[in-house]
Amino acid sequence: MPTSTFFRLPEEKRQRLIDACWSELTRVRFTDVSINQIISMAHIPRGSFYQYFEDKDDLVRYLLEDMRKYFVALLREILIEAKGDLFTLPLLTYDRFLGRQGYKDPMLALFIKLLRLNQGIDLQNFMGGPQHFLPDPLWEVVDPARLRRQDREYADQIFHLACAVLAFAVVETLQGVAHTDRVREMTKMRMDLLRYGGAADGYEEVHT
C-alpha cells in the first residue's frame, strides 16, 4: 500500500503520478514496468517515488486493488438496480460499460489493456479472493430467492458464468465482431439459457 506521504500529496500532483503509473501499466507487462518511465512522465525525482511506494510491485498491487474496488462498487450498484437478480446483471452492466451510443467505461478500457498485456492474470483473486469469485459486497445484495439453490456456493457459480457471458459480449463489441444491438440480443439469449436451461420440457437425460 502507498505510504501516508502519498495520500498527503496535493490532489493535482497525486493524480499526475497515478496517470503516469496507469500509462506505464498499459504500455508494458507488469514485469517490465519502468519506474524511470513513470517518474519522467510524472515529473518527480526518483527518490520521491520511494517515499510513496515501497517498489513497483507495491504500486501494481495498489492500482489493481483500486481497480477492483471500482468494479465491485459499480457491479453492486447495478445489482441493486436489478433487485439482486444475477441473471440480469450482465445485460445491465454491458449497457453501463458500452452503452447504446458506443460509450466506453474508461476503467474498463484500462482493464482490457492489462488483460491483453498480462495474459493469465488471476481473475479469481482479482475479484473475490481464493474462496469466492463473488465478492462479499455483491453477495450482500444478491436475492437468493431468485436462485434454485440459496447458498453462496451456488450464487458464486452463477456469478462466474454471468461474468463469462459479459466478458464475451464486451470482447465481441470491441473487436467489431457484431453491432451493439446484436451483441445485446445474444447476451440476453445466453442469460436466458442460463436462467431457464436449454433442454425441452419433459426431456430426460440419457446416460450411456
N, C-alpha and C. Protein backbone atom coordinates (compact mmCIF):
# COMPACT_ATOMS: atom_id res chain seq x y z
N MET A 1 0.84 -1.20 0.00
CA MET A 1 0.00 0.00 0.00
C MET A 1 0.87 1.25 0.00
N PRO A 2 0.36 2.34 -0.59
CA PRO A 2 1.13 3.59 -0.57
C PRO A 2 1.35 4.07 0.85
N THR A 3 2.38 4.89 1.03
CA THR A 3 2.66 5.46 2.34
C THR A 3 1.71 6.62 2.63
N SER A 4 1.70 7.05 3.87
CA SER A 4 0.87 8.21 4.24
C SER A 4 1.32 9.46 3.50
N THR A 5 2.61 9.51 3.14
CA THR A 5 3.13 10.66 2.38
C THR A 5 2.42 10.78 1.04
N PHE A 6 2.14 9.66 0.39
CA PHE A 6 1.43 9.67 -0.89
C PHE A 6 0.05 10.30 -0.74
N PHE A 7 -0.67 9.94 0.31
CA PHE A 7 -2.03 10.44 0.49
C PHE A 7 -2.06 11.89 0.94
N ARG A 8 -0.91 12.40 1.39
CA ARG A 8 -0.85 13.81 1.77
C ARG A 8 -0.45 14.71 0.61
N LEU A 9 -0.15 14.12 -0.53
CA LEU A 9 0.22 14.92 -1.70
C LEU A 9 -0.93 15.82 -2.13
N PRO A 10 -0.64 16.98 -2.71
CA PRO A 10 -1.71 17.79 -3.32
C PRO A 10 -2.42 16.97 -4.39
N GLU A 11 -3.71 17.18 -4.54
CA GLU A 11 -4.52 16.37 -5.45
C GLU A 11 -3.95 16.36 -6.86
N GLU A 12 -3.52 17.52 -7.35
CA GLU A 12 -3.01 17.60 -8.72
C GLU A 12 -1.75 16.75 -8.90
N LYS A 13 -0.85 16.80 -7.92
CA LYS A 13 0.39 16.04 -8.02
C LYS A 13 0.12 14.54 -7.88
N ARG A 14 -0.78 14.18 -6.98
CA ARG A 14 -1.10 12.76 -6.80
C ARG A 14 -1.76 12.19 -8.06
N GLN A 15 -2.65 12.96 -8.66
CA GLN A 15 -3.32 12.48 -9.87
C GLN A 15 -2.36 12.39 -11.04
N ARG A 16 -1.41 13.32 -11.11
CA ARG A 16 -0.40 13.27 -12.17
C ARG A 16 0.44 12.01 -12.06
N LEU A 17 0.77 11.64 -10.83
CA LEU A 17 1.55 10.42 -10.61
C LEU A 17 0.74 9.18 -10.97
N ILE A 18 -0.52 9.14 -10.56
CA ILE A 18 -1.39 8.00 -10.87
C ILE A 18 -1.58 7.86 -12.37
N ASP A 19 -1.78 8.98 -13.06
CA ASP A 19 -1.94 8.94 -14.51
C ASP A 19 -0.68 8.38 -15.18
N ALA A 20 0.47 8.79 -14.68
CA ALA A 20 1.74 8.29 -15.23
C ALA A 20 1.88 6.79 -14.97
N CYS A 21 1.46 6.36 -13.80
CA CYS A 21 1.53 4.93 -13.47
C CYS A 21 0.63 4.11 -14.38
N TRP A 22 -0.60 4.58 -14.59
CA TRP A 22 -1.51 3.85 -15.48
C TRP A 22 -1.00 3.83 -16.91
N SER A 23 -0.41 4.93 -17.34
CA SER A 23 0.15 4.98 -18.69
C SER A 23 1.22 3.91 -18.88
N GLU A 24 2.05 3.72 -17.87
CA GLU A 24 3.11 2.72 -17.95
C GLU A 24 2.55 1.30 -17.84
N LEU A 25 1.57 1.11 -16.96
CA LEU A 25 0.99 -0.24 -16.78
C LEU A 25 0.21 -0.70 -18.00
N THR A 26 -0.26 0.22 -18.81
CA THR A 26 -0.99 -0.16 -20.02
C THR A 26 -0.10 -0.11 -21.26
N ARG A 27 1.20 0.08 -21.03
CA ARG A 27 2.16 0.09 -22.13
C ARG A 27 2.95 -1.21 -22.20
N VAL A 28 3.28 -1.77 -21.02
CA VAL A 28 4.11 -2.98 -20.96
C VAL A 28 3.55 -3.94 -19.92
N ARG A 29 4.08 -5.17 -19.92
CA ARG A 29 3.70 -6.16 -18.91
C ARG A 29 4.12 -5.68 -17.51
N PHE A 30 3.45 -6.22 -16.50
CA PHE A 30 3.78 -5.85 -15.12
C PHE A 30 5.27 -6.02 -14.85
N THR A 31 5.85 -7.10 -15.34
CA THR A 31 7.25 -7.39 -15.07
C THR A 31 8.20 -6.40 -15.73
N ASP A 32 7.71 -5.67 -16.73
CA ASP A 32 8.57 -4.74 -17.47
C ASP A 32 8.30 -3.28 -17.12
N VAL A 33 7.46 -3.03 -16.13
CA VAL A 33 7.16 -1.66 -15.71
C VAL A 33 8.45 -0.95 -15.31
N SER A 34 8.62 0.27 -15.81
CA SER A 34 9.83 1.05 -15.55
C SER A 34 9.52 2.22 -14.62
N ILE A 35 10.15 2.22 -13.46
CA ILE A 35 9.98 3.35 -12.55
C ILE A 35 10.54 4.62 -13.17
N ASN A 36 11.63 4.49 -13.92
CA ASN A 36 12.21 5.66 -14.59
C ASN A 36 11.22 6.31 -15.54
N GLN A 37 10.47 5.46 -16.26
CA GLN A 37 9.47 5.98 -17.19
C GLN A 37 8.36 6.70 -16.43
N ILE A 38 7.97 6.15 -15.30
CA ILE A 38 6.89 6.75 -14.51
C ILE A 38 7.31 8.11 -13.96
N ILE A 39 8.49 8.18 -13.36
CA ILE A 39 8.91 9.46 -12.76
C ILE A 39 9.17 10.51 -13.84
N SER A 40 9.56 10.06 -15.03
CA SER A 40 9.76 11.00 -16.13
C SER A 40 8.43 11.62 -16.55
N MET A 41 7.40 10.77 -16.69
CA MET A 41 6.08 11.27 -17.09
C MET A 41 5.43 12.10 -16.00
N ALA A 42 5.69 11.72 -14.73
CA ALA A 42 5.06 12.42 -13.61
C ALA A 42 5.83 13.66 -13.19
N HIS A 43 7.06 13.81 -13.71
CA HIS A 43 7.91 14.97 -13.38
C HIS A 43 8.20 15.03 -11.88
N ILE A 44 8.66 13.89 -11.35
CA ILE A 44 9.05 13.85 -9.94
C ILE A 44 10.43 13.21 -9.84
N PRO A 45 11.20 13.54 -8.78
CA PRO A 45 12.51 12.91 -8.58
C PRO A 45 12.35 11.42 -8.27
N ARG A 46 13.36 10.62 -8.62
CA ARG A 46 13.29 9.18 -8.36
C ARG A 46 13.11 8.90 -6.86
N GLY A 47 13.81 9.67 -6.03
CA GLY A 47 13.70 9.45 -4.59
C GLY A 47 12.29 9.65 -4.07
N SER A 48 11.55 10.53 -4.73
CA SER A 48 10.18 10.79 -4.28
C SER A 48 9.30 9.57 -4.46
N PHE A 49 9.55 8.81 -5.54
CA PHE A 49 8.73 7.63 -5.79
C PHE A 49 8.79 6.69 -4.59
N TYR A 50 9.99 6.51 -4.02
CA TYR A 50 10.15 5.57 -2.91
C TYR A 50 9.66 6.16 -1.59
N GLN A 51 9.28 7.43 -1.60
CA GLN A 51 8.59 7.99 -0.44
C GLN A 51 7.10 7.64 -0.48
N TYR A 52 6.63 7.26 -1.68
CA TYR A 52 5.22 6.96 -1.88
C TYR A 52 4.92 5.46 -1.93
N PHE A 53 5.82 4.71 -2.58
CA PHE A 53 5.64 3.26 -2.74
C PHE A 53 6.92 2.53 -2.37
N GLU A 54 6.76 1.32 -1.86
CA GLU A 54 7.93 0.52 -1.48
C GLU A 54 8.73 0.11 -2.71
N ASP A 55 8.03 -0.32 -3.77
CA ASP A 55 8.66 -0.71 -5.02
C ASP A 55 7.58 -0.78 -6.09
N LYS A 56 7.93 -1.22 -7.28
CA LYS A 56 6.92 -1.24 -8.35
C LYS A 56 5.84 -2.29 -8.09
N ASP A 57 6.17 -3.38 -7.39
CA ASP A 57 5.14 -4.37 -7.05
C ASP A 57 4.10 -3.77 -6.12
N ASP A 58 4.54 -2.93 -5.20
CA ASP A 58 3.64 -2.23 -4.30
C ASP A 58 2.71 -1.33 -5.10
N LEU A 59 3.26 -0.66 -6.11
CA LEU A 59 2.48 0.21 -6.98
C LEU A 59 1.42 -0.60 -7.74
N VAL A 60 1.84 -1.70 -8.34
CA VAL A 60 0.90 -2.53 -9.13
C VAL A 60 -0.23 -3.03 -8.24
N ARG A 61 0.10 -3.52 -7.05
CA ARG A 61 -0.93 -4.02 -6.13
C ARG A 61 -1.94 -2.93 -5.79
N TYR A 62 -1.44 -1.73 -5.55
CA TYR A 62 -2.33 -0.62 -5.19
C TYR A 62 -3.28 -0.29 -6.34
N LEU A 63 -2.75 -0.19 -7.55
CA LEU A 63 -3.59 0.18 -8.69
C LEU A 63 -4.62 -0.91 -9.01
N LEU A 64 -4.20 -2.18 -8.91
CA LEU A 64 -5.14 -3.27 -9.16
C LEU A 64 -6.23 -3.31 -8.10
N GLU A 65 -5.87 -3.05 -6.86
CA GLU A 65 -6.87 -3.03 -5.79
C GLU A 65 -7.85 -1.87 -5.99
N ASP A 66 -7.33 -0.74 -6.43
CA ASP A 66 -8.17 0.42 -6.71
C ASP A 66 -9.14 0.09 -7.84
N MET A 67 -8.65 -0.60 -8.86
CA MET A 67 -9.49 -1.01 -9.98
C MET A 67 -10.55 -2.02 -9.52
N ARG A 68 -10.13 -2.99 -8.71
CA ARG A 68 -11.08 -3.99 -8.21
C ARG A 68 -12.21 -3.32 -7.43
N LYS A 69 -11.87 -2.39 -6.56
CA LYS A 69 -12.89 -1.70 -5.78
C LYS A 69 -13.86 -0.93 -6.68
N TYR A 70 -13.33 -0.35 -7.75
CA TYR A 70 -14.18 0.38 -8.70
C TYR A 70 -15.21 -0.56 -9.31
N PHE A 71 -14.75 -1.71 -9.81
CA PHE A 71 -15.67 -2.65 -10.47
C PHE A 71 -16.66 -3.25 -9.48
N VAL A 72 -16.21 -3.58 -8.29
CA VAL A 72 -17.12 -4.15 -7.29
C VAL A 72 -18.19 -3.14 -6.92
N ALA A 73 -17.80 -1.88 -6.73
CA ALA A 73 -18.78 -0.84 -6.39
C ALA A 73 -19.77 -0.64 -7.53
N LEU A 74 -19.27 -0.66 -8.76
CA LEU A 74 -20.15 -0.49 -9.92
C LEU A 74 -21.12 -1.66 -10.05
N LEU A 75 -20.61 -2.88 -9.91
CA LEU A 75 -21.47 -4.06 -10.03
C LEU A 75 -22.48 -4.11 -8.88
N ARG A 76 -22.08 -3.67 -7.71
CA ARG A 76 -23.02 -3.63 -6.58
C ARG A 76 -24.16 -2.66 -6.88
N GLU A 77 -23.81 -1.50 -7.41
CA GLU A 77 -24.83 -0.51 -7.76
C GLU A 77 -25.80 -1.08 -8.80
N ILE A 78 -25.25 -1.77 -9.81
CA ILE A 78 -26.09 -2.34 -10.87
C ILE A 78 -26.93 -3.49 -10.32
N LEU A 79 -26.36 -4.29 -9.44
CA LEU A 79 -27.09 -5.42 -8.88
C LEU A 79 -28.24 -4.94 -7.99
N ILE A 80 -28.04 -3.85 -7.29
CA ILE A 80 -29.14 -3.26 -6.50
C ILE A 80 -30.24 -2.80 -7.45
N GLU A 81 -29.83 -2.16 -8.55
CA GLU A 81 -30.81 -1.73 -9.57
C GLU A 81 -31.58 -2.93 -10.12
N ALA A 82 -30.89 -4.08 -10.23
CA ALA A 82 -31.52 -5.30 -10.75
C ALA A 82 -32.27 -6.07 -9.67
N LYS A 83 -32.40 -5.48 -8.47
CA LYS A 83 -33.10 -6.11 -7.35
C LYS A 83 -32.50 -7.47 -6.98
N GLY A 84 -31.17 -7.54 -7.07
CA GLY A 84 -30.46 -8.73 -6.64
C GLY A 84 -30.48 -9.88 -7.62
N ASP A 85 -30.89 -9.61 -8.86
CA ASP A 85 -31.01 -10.67 -9.87
C ASP A 85 -29.70 -10.83 -10.63
N LEU A 86 -28.95 -11.90 -10.34
CA LEU A 86 -27.67 -12.15 -11.02
C LEU A 86 -27.85 -12.39 -12.51
N PHE A 87 -29.00 -12.88 -12.92
CA PHE A 87 -29.22 -13.19 -14.34
C PHE A 87 -29.41 -11.92 -15.18
N THR A 88 -29.81 -10.84 -14.54
CA THR A 88 -29.99 -9.56 -15.23
C THR A 88 -28.71 -8.75 -15.26
N LEU A 89 -27.79 -9.08 -14.37
CA LEU A 89 -26.57 -8.29 -14.19
C LEU A 89 -25.75 -8.08 -15.47
N PRO A 90 -25.47 -9.13 -16.28
CA PRO A 90 -24.61 -8.93 -17.47
C PRO A 90 -25.15 -7.91 -18.46
N LEU A 91 -26.45 -7.95 -18.75
CA LEU A 91 -27.01 -7.04 -19.74
C LEU A 91 -26.99 -5.60 -19.24
N LEU A 92 -27.35 -5.40 -17.97
CA LEU A 92 -27.32 -4.05 -17.41
C LEU A 92 -25.89 -3.51 -17.36
N THR A 93 -24.95 -4.38 -17.02
CA THR A 93 -23.54 -3.97 -16.96
C THR A 93 -23.01 -3.66 -18.35
N TYR A 94 -23.40 -4.48 -19.32
CA TYR A 94 -22.99 -4.23 -20.71
C TYR A 94 -23.44 -2.84 -21.16
N ASP A 95 -24.68 -2.50 -20.85
CA ASP A 95 -25.19 -1.17 -21.22
C ASP A 95 -24.43 -0.07 -20.50
N ARG A 96 -24.07 -0.31 -19.25
CA ARG A 96 -23.34 0.70 -18.49
C ARG A 96 -21.92 0.84 -19.03
N PHE A 97 -21.28 -0.26 -19.40
CA PHE A 97 -19.92 -0.23 -19.92
C PHE A 97 -19.83 0.40 -21.30
N LEU A 98 -20.71 -0.03 -22.19
CA LEU A 98 -20.57 0.33 -23.61
C LEU A 98 -21.68 1.24 -24.11
N GLY A 99 -22.88 1.08 -23.58
CA GLY A 99 -23.97 1.98 -23.92
C GLY A 99 -24.47 1.84 -25.34
N ARG A 100 -25.64 2.37 -25.58
CA ARG A 100 -26.24 2.31 -26.91
C ARG A 100 -25.52 3.24 -27.89
N GLN A 101 -24.87 4.28 -27.38
CA GLN A 101 -24.17 5.23 -28.24
C GLN A 101 -22.68 4.94 -28.35
N GLY A 102 -22.27 3.77 -27.90
CA GLY A 102 -20.87 3.40 -28.04
C GLY A 102 -19.97 3.93 -26.95
N TYR A 103 -20.53 4.42 -25.84
CA TYR A 103 -19.73 4.92 -24.73
C TYR A 103 -18.93 3.77 -24.13
N LYS A 104 -17.69 4.04 -23.81
CA LYS A 104 -16.85 3.01 -23.21
C LYS A 104 -16.39 3.47 -21.83
N ASP A 105 -16.60 2.64 -20.85
CA ASP A 105 -16.17 2.95 -19.49
C ASP A 105 -14.65 3.05 -19.48
N PRO A 106 -14.07 4.16 -19.01
CA PRO A 106 -12.61 4.34 -19.06
C PRO A 106 -11.85 3.30 -18.24
N MET A 107 -12.39 2.88 -17.10
CA MET A 107 -11.71 1.88 -16.29
C MET A 107 -11.75 0.52 -16.99
N LEU A 108 -12.84 0.25 -17.70
CA LEU A 108 -12.93 -0.99 -18.47
C LEU A 108 -11.85 -1.02 -19.55
N ALA A 109 -11.64 0.13 -20.22
CA ALA A 109 -10.61 0.20 -21.26
C ALA A 109 -9.23 -0.10 -20.69
N LEU A 110 -8.95 0.42 -19.50
CA LEU A 110 -7.67 0.13 -18.84
C LEU A 110 -7.54 -1.36 -18.51
N PHE A 111 -8.63 -1.93 -18.00
CA PHE A 111 -8.62 -3.33 -17.60
C PHE A 111 -8.36 -4.25 -18.80
N ILE A 112 -8.98 -3.94 -19.92
CA ILE A 112 -8.78 -4.76 -21.12
C ILE A 112 -7.34 -4.68 -21.60
N LYS A 113 -6.75 -3.51 -21.51
CA LYS A 113 -5.33 -3.37 -21.88
C LYS A 113 -4.45 -4.22 -20.97
N LEU A 114 -4.77 -4.22 -19.66
CA LEU A 114 -4.00 -5.02 -18.72
C LEU A 114 -4.11 -6.51 -19.04
N LEU A 115 -5.31 -6.96 -19.37
CA LEU A 115 -5.52 -8.36 -19.70
C LEU A 115 -4.74 -8.77 -20.95
N ARG A 116 -4.72 -7.88 -21.93
CA ARG A 116 -4.02 -8.18 -23.18
C ARG A 116 -2.50 -8.26 -22.96
N LEU A 117 -2.00 -7.40 -22.09
CA LEU A 117 -0.57 -7.38 -21.83
C LEU A 117 -0.12 -8.47 -20.87
N ASN A 118 -1.02 -8.87 -19.97
CA ASN A 118 -0.66 -9.81 -18.92
C ASN A 118 -1.58 -11.03 -18.97
N GLN A 119 -1.45 -11.81 -20.01
CA GLN A 119 -2.28 -13.00 -20.16
C GLN A 119 -2.03 -13.95 -19.01
N GLY A 120 -3.13 -14.50 -18.48
CA GLY A 120 -3.01 -15.40 -17.35
C GLY A 120 -3.19 -14.72 -16.01
N ILE A 121 -3.60 -13.44 -16.03
CA ILE A 121 -3.84 -12.74 -14.77
C ILE A 121 -4.89 -13.50 -13.96
N ASP A 122 -4.70 -13.59 -12.66
CA ASP A 122 -5.56 -14.38 -11.78
C ASP A 122 -6.84 -13.60 -11.47
N LEU A 123 -7.89 -13.84 -12.26
CA LEU A 123 -9.14 -13.11 -12.07
C LEU A 123 -9.87 -13.54 -10.80
N GLN A 124 -9.62 -14.78 -10.35
CA GLN A 124 -10.25 -15.25 -9.11
C GLN A 124 -9.83 -14.36 -7.95
N ASN A 125 -8.52 -14.14 -7.82
CA ASN A 125 -8.03 -13.29 -6.74
C ASN A 125 -8.38 -11.83 -6.98
N PHE A 126 -8.42 -11.43 -8.25
CA PHE A 126 -8.74 -10.03 -8.57
C PHE A 126 -10.15 -9.68 -8.09
N MET A 127 -11.11 -10.58 -8.32
CA MET A 127 -12.49 -10.27 -7.98
C MET A 127 -12.81 -10.50 -6.50
N GLY A 128 -12.60 -11.73 -6.02
CA GLY A 128 -13.09 -12.00 -4.68
C GLY A 128 -12.13 -12.71 -3.76
N GLY A 129 -11.03 -13.22 -4.30
CA GLY A 129 -10.09 -13.95 -3.45
C GLY A 129 -10.19 -15.44 -3.70
N PRO A 130 -9.41 -16.23 -2.99
CA PRO A 130 -9.31 -17.66 -3.24
C PRO A 130 -10.58 -18.44 -2.93
N GLN A 131 -11.43 -17.93 -2.02
CA GLN A 131 -12.61 -18.70 -1.62
C GLN A 131 -13.82 -18.44 -2.52
N HIS A 132 -14.03 -17.20 -2.90
CA HIS A 132 -15.23 -16.86 -3.66
C HIS A 132 -14.89 -15.95 -4.83
N PHE A 133 -15.49 -16.25 -5.99
CA PHE A 133 -15.38 -15.34 -7.12
C PHE A 133 -16.34 -14.17 -6.93
N LEU A 134 -17.44 -14.44 -6.26
CA LEU A 134 -18.45 -13.42 -5.95
C LEU A 134 -18.02 -12.66 -4.71
N PRO A 135 -17.64 -11.38 -4.84
CA PRO A 135 -17.15 -10.61 -3.68
C PRO A 135 -18.23 -10.42 -2.62
N ASP A 136 -17.81 -10.24 -1.39
CA ASP A 136 -18.75 -10.04 -0.27
C ASP A 136 -19.75 -8.91 -0.53
N PRO A 137 -19.31 -7.72 -1.01
CA PRO A 137 -20.28 -6.63 -1.20
C PRO A 137 -21.38 -6.97 -2.21
N LEU A 138 -21.09 -7.88 -3.15
CA LEU A 138 -22.11 -8.29 -4.11
C LEU A 138 -23.03 -9.36 -3.52
N TRP A 139 -22.43 -10.30 -2.81
CA TRP A 139 -23.23 -11.35 -2.17
C TRP A 139 -24.26 -10.73 -1.22
N GLU A 140 -23.89 -9.62 -0.59
CA GLU A 140 -24.80 -8.95 0.36
C GLU A 140 -26.08 -8.45 -0.30
N VAL A 141 -26.04 -8.17 -1.61
CA VAL A 141 -27.22 -7.61 -2.29
C VAL A 141 -27.84 -8.60 -3.28
N VAL A 142 -27.33 -9.84 -3.34
CA VAL A 142 -27.95 -10.86 -4.17
C VAL A 142 -29.27 -11.29 -3.53
N ASP A 143 -30.28 -11.51 -4.36
CA ASP A 143 -31.55 -12.04 -3.87
C ASP A 143 -31.53 -13.56 -4.06
N PRO A 144 -31.24 -14.34 -3.00
CA PRO A 144 -31.13 -15.80 -3.14
C PRO A 144 -32.43 -16.45 -3.58
N ALA A 145 -33.56 -15.79 -3.32
CA ALA A 145 -34.85 -16.37 -3.68
C ALA A 145 -35.00 -16.54 -5.19
N ARG A 146 -34.18 -15.84 -5.97
CA ARG A 146 -34.23 -15.95 -7.43
C ARG A 146 -33.44 -17.15 -7.95
N LEU A 147 -32.74 -17.85 -7.05
CA LEU A 147 -31.88 -18.96 -7.44
C LEU A 147 -32.49 -20.30 -7.04
N ARG A 148 -32.16 -21.34 -7.80
CA ARG A 148 -32.66 -22.69 -7.49
C ARG A 148 -32.15 -23.15 -6.13
N ARG A 149 -30.90 -22.78 -5.84
CA ARG A 149 -30.34 -23.02 -4.52
C ARG A 149 -29.96 -21.68 -3.91
N GLN A 150 -30.14 -21.55 -2.61
CA GLN A 150 -29.96 -20.24 -1.97
C GLN A 150 -28.59 -20.06 -1.31
N ASP A 151 -27.70 -21.05 -1.44
CA ASP A 151 -26.41 -20.93 -0.77
C ASP A 151 -25.43 -20.12 -1.61
N ARG A 152 -24.38 -19.65 -0.96
CA ARG A 152 -23.42 -18.77 -1.63
C ARG A 152 -22.63 -19.51 -2.71
N GLU A 153 -22.31 -20.76 -2.48
CA GLU A 153 -21.53 -21.50 -3.47
C GLU A 153 -22.27 -21.54 -4.82
N TYR A 154 -23.57 -21.74 -4.76
CA TYR A 154 -24.38 -21.77 -5.99
C TYR A 154 -24.39 -20.39 -6.64
N ALA A 155 -24.60 -19.35 -5.83
CA ALA A 155 -24.59 -17.98 -6.36
C ALA A 155 -23.23 -17.64 -6.96
N ASP A 156 -22.18 -18.17 -6.35
CA ASP A 156 -20.82 -17.94 -6.83
C ASP A 156 -20.66 -18.49 -8.26
N GLN A 157 -21.21 -19.67 -8.51
CA GLN A 157 -21.11 -20.28 -9.84
C GLN A 157 -21.95 -19.51 -10.87
N ILE A 158 -23.12 -19.06 -10.46
CA ILE A 158 -23.96 -18.26 -11.36
C ILE A 158 -23.23 -16.97 -11.74
N PHE A 159 -22.63 -16.33 -10.75
CA PHE A 159 -21.90 -15.08 -11.00
C PHE A 159 -20.71 -15.33 -11.93
N HIS A 160 -20.02 -16.43 -11.73
CA HIS A 160 -18.87 -16.78 -12.57
C HIS A 160 -19.31 -16.91 -14.02
N LEU A 161 -20.41 -17.61 -14.26
CA LEU A 161 -20.91 -17.80 -15.63
C LEU A 161 -21.43 -16.49 -16.21
N ALA A 162 -22.08 -15.68 -15.37
CA ALA A 162 -22.58 -14.38 -15.82
C ALA A 162 -21.43 -13.48 -16.26
N CYS A 163 -20.33 -13.51 -15.52
CA CYS A 163 -19.16 -12.71 -15.88
C CYS A 163 -18.56 -13.18 -17.20
N ALA A 164 -18.60 -14.50 -17.44
CA ALA A 164 -18.09 -15.04 -18.70
C ALA A 164 -18.93 -14.54 -19.88
N VAL A 165 -20.25 -14.53 -19.71
CA VAL A 165 -21.14 -14.02 -20.75
C VAL A 165 -20.87 -12.53 -21.00
N LEU A 166 -20.71 -11.77 -19.92
CA LEU A 166 -20.43 -10.33 -20.05
C LEU A 166 -19.10 -10.10 -20.76
N ALA A 167 -18.06 -10.84 -20.35
CA ALA A 167 -16.74 -10.66 -20.95
C ALA A 167 -16.78 -10.96 -22.45
N PHE A 168 -17.49 -12.01 -22.83
CA PHE A 168 -17.59 -12.38 -24.24
C PHE A 168 -18.29 -11.28 -25.02
N ALA A 169 -19.35 -10.69 -24.44
CA ALA A 169 -20.08 -9.62 -25.11
C ALA A 169 -19.21 -8.39 -25.30
N VAL A 170 -18.42 -8.06 -24.28
CA VAL A 170 -17.53 -6.89 -24.38
C VAL A 170 -16.49 -7.11 -25.47
N VAL A 171 -15.89 -8.30 -25.49
CA VAL A 171 -14.86 -8.60 -26.50
C VAL A 171 -15.46 -8.56 -27.90
N GLU A 172 -16.64 -9.15 -28.08
CA GLU A 172 -17.30 -9.13 -29.39
C GLU A 172 -17.52 -7.70 -29.87
N THR A 173 -17.93 -6.85 -28.96
CA THR A 173 -18.23 -5.46 -29.32
C THR A 173 -16.96 -4.69 -29.66
N LEU A 174 -15.95 -4.79 -28.79
CA LEU A 174 -14.73 -4.01 -29.00
C LEU A 174 -13.94 -4.48 -30.21
N GLN A 175 -14.08 -5.75 -30.57
CA GLN A 175 -13.39 -6.27 -31.75
C GLN A 175 -14.21 -6.06 -33.03
N GLY A 176 -15.39 -5.50 -32.88
CA GLY A 176 -16.22 -5.22 -34.04
C GLY A 176 -16.82 -6.45 -34.68
N VAL A 177 -16.95 -7.54 -33.89
CA VAL A 177 -17.49 -8.78 -34.43
C VAL A 177 -18.96 -8.60 -34.80
N ALA A 178 -19.69 -7.82 -34.01
CA ALA A 178 -21.10 -7.61 -34.28
C ALA A 178 -21.51 -6.23 -33.75
N HIS A 179 -22.64 -5.72 -34.26
CA HIS A 179 -23.17 -4.44 -33.80
C HIS A 179 -23.66 -4.57 -32.37
N THR A 180 -23.67 -3.45 -31.64
CA THR A 180 -24.06 -3.45 -30.24
C THR A 180 -25.42 -4.09 -30.02
N ASP A 181 -26.41 -3.74 -30.86
CA ASP A 181 -27.76 -4.29 -30.69
C ASP A 181 -27.76 -5.81 -30.84
N ARG A 182 -26.98 -6.31 -31.78
CA ARG A 182 -26.90 -7.76 -31.98
C ARG A 182 -26.21 -8.43 -30.79
N VAL A 183 -25.18 -7.80 -30.26
CA VAL A 183 -24.48 -8.36 -29.10
C VAL A 183 -25.42 -8.39 -27.90
N ARG A 184 -26.20 -7.33 -27.72
CA ARG A 184 -27.16 -7.28 -26.61
C ARG A 184 -28.17 -8.41 -26.73
N GLU A 185 -28.65 -8.62 -27.95
CA GLU A 185 -29.63 -9.68 -28.20
C GLU A 185 -29.06 -11.05 -27.84
N MET A 186 -27.82 -11.30 -28.27
CA MET A 186 -27.19 -12.58 -27.97
C MET A 186 -26.88 -12.72 -26.48
N THR A 187 -26.51 -11.61 -25.83
CA THR A 187 -26.24 -11.64 -24.39
C THR A 187 -27.50 -12.00 -23.62
N LYS A 188 -28.62 -11.41 -24.01
CA LYS A 188 -29.89 -11.74 -23.36
C LYS A 188 -30.24 -13.21 -23.57
N MET A 189 -30.03 -13.71 -24.80
CA MET A 189 -30.33 -15.12 -25.08
C MET A 189 -29.46 -16.03 -24.21
N ARG A 190 -28.18 -15.71 -24.11
CA ARG A 190 -27.27 -16.55 -23.31
C ARG A 190 -27.68 -16.56 -21.84
N MET A 191 -28.09 -15.41 -21.33
CA MET A 191 -28.51 -15.37 -19.93
C MET A 191 -29.86 -16.05 -19.73
N ASP A 192 -30.72 -16.00 -20.73
CA ASP A 192 -31.98 -16.75 -20.65
C ASP A 192 -31.70 -18.26 -20.60
N LEU A 193 -30.69 -18.69 -21.38
CA LEU A 193 -30.30 -20.10 -21.35
C LEU A 193 -29.79 -20.48 -19.96
N LEU A 194 -29.05 -19.57 -19.36
CA LEU A 194 -28.54 -19.84 -18.02
C LEU A 194 -29.67 -19.83 -16.99
N ARG A 195 -30.61 -18.93 -17.17
CA ARG A 195 -31.72 -18.81 -16.22
C ARG A 195 -32.70 -20.00 -16.33
N TYR A 196 -33.06 -20.34 -17.57
CA TYR A 196 -34.13 -21.32 -17.77
C TYR A 196 -33.65 -22.69 -18.25
N GLY A 197 -32.40 -22.75 -18.72
CA GLY A 197 -31.91 -24.01 -19.29
C GLY A 197 -32.25 -24.10 -20.77
N GLY A 198 -31.59 -25.02 -21.45
CA GLY A 198 -31.80 -25.13 -22.90
C GLY A 198 -32.50 -26.40 -23.32
N ALA A 199 -32.80 -27.26 -22.37
CA ALA A 199 -33.45 -28.53 -22.72
C ALA A 199 -34.95 -28.34 -22.86
N ALA A 200 -35.56 -29.13 -23.74
CA ALA A 200 -37.01 -29.09 -23.93
C ALA A 200 -37.71 -29.63 -22.69
N ASP A 201 -38.94 -29.13 -22.45
CA ASP A 201 -39.73 -29.61 -21.33
C ASP A 201 -39.95 -31.12 -21.45
N GLY A 202 -39.78 -31.81 -20.35
CA GLY A 202 -40.01 -33.24 -20.35
C GLY A 202 -38.84 -34.06 -20.84
N TYR A 203 -37.77 -33.40 -21.31
CA TYR A 203 -36.61 -34.14 -21.80
C TYR A 203 -35.92 -34.84 -20.63
N GLU A 204 -35.64 -36.10 -20.79
CA GLU A 204 -34.93 -36.85 -19.77
C GLU A 204 -33.54 -37.19 -20.27
N GLU A 205 -32.56 -36.92 -19.43
CA GLU A 205 -31.17 -37.18 -19.81
C GLU A 205 -30.95 -38.68 -19.99
N VAL A 206 -30.27 -39.03 -21.08
CA VAL A 206 -29.97 -40.42 -21.34
C VAL A 206 -28.52 -40.67 -21.01
N HIS A 207 -28.25 -41.61 -20.14
CA HIS A 207 -26.88 -41.95 -19.77
C HIS A 207 -26.43 -43.15 -20.58
N THR A 208 -25.27 -43.04 -21.18
CA THR A 208 -24.76 -44.17 -21.98
C THR A 208 -23.53 -44.74 -21.31
